[in-house]
């Protein structure tokens, strides 16, 4: 690529409207209804893809966004460790759907991953995916990539592919966040229909744009307003 081509690509990413890719996130254990109200108001104002809230606040967020059908309500399942028994995670999904969640971000069973018990990992994901599919909801799988060797990262991608999930998500944000190399590795391994959600430690526009360029299809962040500011 010549110099003019590189400059054009840089300019494209600088001007790119990433608001439709952002899932404005608030999962702190001490968040309150006023925090969720602010989150929803910002998501509507900036035209974000969605809000990601604790299961306790799904009903609350859905009501706050009842006049804005473009902002999805996303919640987490088995968060943040993922080692709950499958029946508990299934029940969480069913309750989230009943409360109005549009999408669920489920945490992979990290203990089973560490043990290399891929049949257990697959069974866990299969059951959760069936429940989400029955309710016609999108399902994203959080794999906690910062804790994984490259081999286990690839294995997680393969299991997620076999289960037919909609997204694979890089991290909960509790144990490190998304990296450019992580997203590139995931994009090379995952089939095209499965999208990538980068999350964890994304606090500025430059980082978000670099992750999108590496292959991320959506961005999970608590810093959404900062990311859409072009300076």
Protein backbone atom coordinates (compact mmCIF):
# COMPACT_ATOMS: atom_id res chain seq x y z
CA UNK A 1 0.00 0.00 0.00
CA UNK A 2 1.39 3.42 -0.97
CA UNK A 3 1.63 6.45 1.29
CA UNK A 4 -1.64 7.91 -0.02
CA UNK A 5 -3.41 4.60 0.62
CA UNK A 6 -2.15 4.46 4.20
CA UNK A 7 -3.24 8.04 4.81
CA UNK A 8 -6.71 7.31 3.40
CA UNK A 9 -7.06 4.29 5.69
CA UNK A 10 -5.94 6.31 8.72
CA UNK A 11 -8.40 9.08 7.86
CA UNK A 12 -11.22 6.54 7.46
CA UNK A 13 -10.67 5.09 10.90
CA UNK A 14 -10.27 8.54 12.48
CA UNK A 15 -13.65 9.66 11.13
CA UNK A 16 -15.44 6.35 11.61
CA UNK A 17 -18.69 6.55 13.57
CA UNK A 18 -18.19 3.86 16.18
CA UNK A 19 -21.28 4.75 18.23
CA UNK A 20 -23.36 1.94 16.64
CA UNK A 21 -20.70 -0.56 17.79
CA UNK A 22 -20.63 0.47 21.45
CA UNK A 23 -22.35 -1.44 24.24
CA UNK A 24 -22.35 1.09 27.06
CA UNK A 25 -21.56 -0.98 30.14
CA UNK A 26 -22.07 -0.68 33.88
CA UNK A 27 -21.49 -3.84 35.91
CA UNK A 28 -20.02 -2.48 39.14
CA UNK A 29 -21.40 -4.26 42.22
CA UNK A 30 -22.28 -0.91 43.79
CA UNK A 31 -24.19 0.63 40.87
CA UNK A 32 -27.67 1.98 41.56
CA UNK A 33 -30.80 2.88 39.61
CA UNK A 34 -29.62 6.46 39.05
CA UNK A 35 -26.43 5.11 37.47
CA UNK A 36 -28.48 2.91 35.15
CA UNK A 37 -30.69 5.87 34.24
CA UNK A 38 -27.63 7.89 33.24
CA UNK A 39 -26.26 4.93 31.28
CA UNK A 40 -29.51 4.59 29.30
CA UNK A 41 -29.77 8.32 28.67
CA UNK A 42 -26.23 8.44 27.33
CA UNK A 43 -26.85 5.38 25.14
CA UNK A 44 -29.91 7.01 23.60
CA UNK A 45 -28.18 10.36 23.16
CA UNK A 46 -25.10 8.94 21.45
CA UNK A 47 -27.01 6.23 19.52
CA UNK A 48 -25.03 3.37 21.05
CA UNK A 49 -25.72 -0.22 20.08
CA UNK A 50 -26.86 -1.16 23.55
CA UNK A 51 -26.46 -0.99 27.31
CA UNK A 52 -24.99 -3.86 29.30
CA UNK A 53 -26.39 -3.97 32.84
CA UNK A 54 -26.52 -6.37 35.80
CA UNK A 55 -29.42 -8.89 35.69
CA UNK A 56 -31.02 -7.05 38.61
CA UNK A 57 -31.45 -3.96 36.45
CA UNK A 58 -32.73 -5.51 33.21
CA UNK A 59 -36.38 -4.62 33.92
CA UNK A 60 -35.31 -1.14 34.97
CA UNK A 61 -33.26 -0.53 31.82
CA UNK A 62 -35.97 -1.94 29.56
CA UNK A 63 -38.49 0.49 30.99
CA UNK A 64 -36.10 3.42 30.66
CA UNK A 65 -35.51 2.55 27.00
CA UNK A 66 -39.11 1.78 26.08
CA UNK A 67 -39.18 4.78 23.73
CA UNK A 68 -35.88 3.91 22.07
CA UNK A 69 -36.07 0.51 20.40
CA UNK A 70 -32.66 0.99 18.75
CA UNK A 71 -30.72 0.55 21.99
CA UNK A 72 -30.50 -3.10 23.00
CA UNK A 73 -30.65 -4.23 26.62
CA UNK A 74 -27.82 -6.67 27.28
CA UNK A 75 -27.11 -8.51 30.52
CA UNK A 76 -24.55 -10.98 31.85
CA UNK A 77 -24.97 -14.63 32.82
CA UNK A 78 -22.72 -16.54 35.23
CA UNK A 79 -20.81 -13.32 35.74
CA UNK A 80 -17.95 -12.86 36.36
CA UNK A 81 -16.44 -16.33 36.90
CA UNK A 82 -18.62 -18.62 34.78
CA UNK A 83 -18.24 -21.67 37.01
CA UNK A 84 -21.90 -21.83 38.07
CA UNK A 85 -23.59 -25.11 37.24
CA UNK A 86 -25.25 -25.13 33.85
CA UNK A 87 -28.78 -25.34 35.28
CA UNK A 88 -28.20 -22.10 37.20
CA UNK A 89 -26.94 -20.34 34.09
CA UNK A 90 -29.91 -21.58 32.08
CA UNK A 91 -32.26 -20.27 34.77
CA UNK A 92 -30.48 -16.91 34.65
CA UNK A 93 -31.02 -16.69 30.90
CA UNK A 94 -34.68 -17.58 31.23
CA UNK A 95 -35.18 -14.87 33.87
CA UNK A 96 -33.26 -12.30 31.82
CA UNK A 97 -35.46 -13.04 28.81
CA UNK A 98 -38.60 -12.77 30.95
CA UNK A 99 -37.37 -9.39 32.22
CA UNK A 100 -36.84 -8.11 28.68
CA UNK A 101 -33.18 -8.66 27.82
CA UNK A 102 -32.44 -8.56 24.10
CA UNK A 103 -29.04 -10.23 24.36
CA UNK A 104 -27.12 -12.28 26.93
CA UNK A 105 -23.37 -12.30 27.54
CA UNK A 106 -22.61 -15.68 29.14
CA UNK A 107 -19.31 -16.45 30.86
CA UNK A 108 -17.62 -19.65 29.75
CA UNK A 109 -16.82 -22.17 32.49
CA UNK A 110 -13.23 -21.14 33.14
CA UNK A 111 -12.59 -24.04 35.53
CA UNK A 112 -13.58 -26.55 32.84
CA UNK A 113 -11.39 -24.67 30.35
CA UNK A 114 -8.42 -24.79 32.74
CA UNK A 115 -8.93 -28.54 33.18
CA UNK A 116 -9.20 -29.09 29.44
CA UNK A 117 -12.65 -30.61 29.91
CA UNK A 118 -13.87 -29.50 26.50
CA UNK A 119 -16.88 -31.84 26.47
CA UNK A 120 -18.14 -30.11 29.63
CA UNK A 121 -17.45 -26.69 28.14
CA UNK A 122 -19.33 -27.65 24.98
CA UNK A 123 -22.31 -29.09 26.89
CA UNK A 124 -22.54 -25.92 29.00
CA UNK A 125 -22.53 -23.68 25.92
CA UNK A 126 -24.90 -25.92 23.96
CA UNK A 127 -27.56 -25.79 26.66
CA UNK A 128 -27.31 -22.03 27.07
CA UNK A 129 -27.36 -21.49 23.32
CA UNK A 130 -30.51 -23.60 22.93
CA UNK A 131 -32.32 -21.51 25.54
CA UNK A 132 -31.24 -18.24 23.90
CA UNK A 133 -32.20 -19.51 20.45
CA UNK A 134 -35.62 -20.66 21.66
CA UNK A 135 -36.24 -17.11 22.89
CA UNK A 136 -34.79 -15.61 19.68
CA UNK A 137 -32.08 -13.76 21.61
CA UNK A 138 -28.46 -13.13 20.69
CA UNK A 139 -25.88 -14.97 22.78
CA UNK A 140 -22.29 -13.86 23.34
CA UNK A 141 -19.71 -16.02 25.11
CA UNK A 142 -17.12 -14.34 27.34
CA UNK A 143 -13.90 -16.36 27.21
CA UNK A 144 -11.59 -14.32 29.54
CA UNK A 145 -8.83 -14.26 26.95
CA UNK A 146 -6.21 -12.60 29.17
CA UNK A 147 -6.06 -15.76 31.31
CA UNK A 148 -5.68 -18.16 28.39
CA UNK A 149 -2.70 -19.58 26.56
CA UNK A 150 -2.92 -19.25 22.80
CA UNK A 151 -3.81 -22.94 22.57
CA UNK A 152 -6.71 -22.57 25.00
CA UNK A 153 -7.84 -19.36 23.29
CA UNK A 154 -8.04 -21.25 19.99
CA UNK A 155 -9.82 -24.17 21.65
CA UNK A 156 -12.38 -21.79 23.14
CA UNK A 157 -12.98 -20.29 19.70
CA UNK A 158 -13.50 -23.78 18.28
CA UNK A 159 -16.00 -24.78 20.97
CA UNK A 160 -17.91 -21.52 20.53
CA UNK A 161 -17.98 -22.12 16.78
CA UNK A 162 -19.34 -25.63 17.28
CA UNK A 163 -22.08 -24.32 19.56
CA UNK A 164 -23.13 -21.74 16.99
CA UNK A 165 -23.09 -18.67 19.23
CA UNK A 166 -23.47 -15.16 17.80
CA UNK A 167 -20.43 -13.47 19.35
CA UNK A 168 -17.30 -14.39 21.24
CA UNK A 169 -16.36 -11.72 23.78
CA UNK A 170 -12.76 -11.18 24.86
CA UNK A 171 -13.09 -10.52 28.57
CA UNK A 172 -15.18 -9.68 31.61
CA UNK A 173 -12.73 -6.87 32.38
CA UNK A 174 -12.00 -8.33 35.82
CA UNK A 175 -8.76 -10.09 34.82
CA UNK A 176 -7.35 -7.95 32.04
CA UNK A 177 -8.92 -6.70 28.86
CA UNK A 178 -8.90 -7.01 25.11
CA UNK A 179 -5.67 -6.75 23.13
CA UNK A 180 -5.02 -6.25 19.45
CA UNK A 181 -3.27 -9.61 19.15
CA UNK A 182 -6.07 -11.40 20.99
CA UNK A 183 -8.69 -10.02 18.63
CA UNK A 184 -6.59 -10.82 15.55
CA UNK A 185 -6.09 -14.40 16.74
CA UNK A 186 -9.80 -14.81 17.39
CA UNK A 187 -10.76 -13.34 14.03
CA UNK A 188 -8.46 -15.74 12.18
CA UNK A 189 -9.89 -18.73 14.04
CA UNK A 190 -13.60 -17.93 14.14
CA UNK A 191 -15.84 -18.40 11.09
CA UNK A 192 -17.10 -15.15 9.59
CA UNK A 193 -20.70 -15.44 10.86
CA UNK A 194 -19.46 -15.35 14.46
CA UNK A 195 -18.69 -11.81 15.52
CA UNK A 196 -16.26 -10.52 18.14
CA UNK A 197 -17.02 -8.22 21.06
CA UNK A 198 -13.92 -6.57 22.47
CA UNK A 199 -14.22 -5.54 26.11
CA UNK A 200 -12.11 -4.72 29.12
CA UNK A 201 -9.87 -1.67 29.50
CA UNK A 202 -11.18 0.20 26.43
CA UNK A 203 -11.17 3.80 27.61
CA UNK A 204 -10.22 5.89 24.57
CA UNK A 205 -11.14 6.22 20.91
CA UNK A 206 -7.73 5.20 19.56
CA UNK A 207 -7.83 1.87 21.37
CA UNK A 208 -11.39 1.20 20.22
CA UNK A 209 -10.52 1.98 16.59
CA UNK A 210 -7.45 -0.27 16.71
CA UNK A 211 -9.58 -3.15 18.03
CA UNK A 212 -12.16 -2.60 15.28
CA UNK A 213 -9.39 -2.61 12.69
CA UNK A 214 -8.09 -5.87 14.21
CA UNK A 215 -11.49 -7.51 13.74
CA UNK A 216 -13.83 -6.49 16.56
CA UNK A 217 -17.48 -6.01 15.59
CA UNK A 218 -18.62 -4.39 18.83
CA UNK A 219 -17.03 -2.66 21.79
CA UNK A 220 -18.00 -3.18 25.42
CA UNK A 221 -16.95 -0.20 27.52
CA UNK A 222 -17.95 2.00 30.43
CA UNK A 223 -16.36 4.96 28.62
CA UNK A 224 -18.73 5.21 25.67
CA UNK A 225 -19.06 9.02 25.55
CA UNK A 226 -15.27 9.45 25.51
CA UNK A 227 -14.93 7.01 22.62
CA UNK A 228 -17.19 8.97 20.27
CA UNK A 229 -15.41 12.26 20.77
CA UNK A 230 -13.26 13.13 17.73
CA UNK A 231 -10.47 15.51 18.67
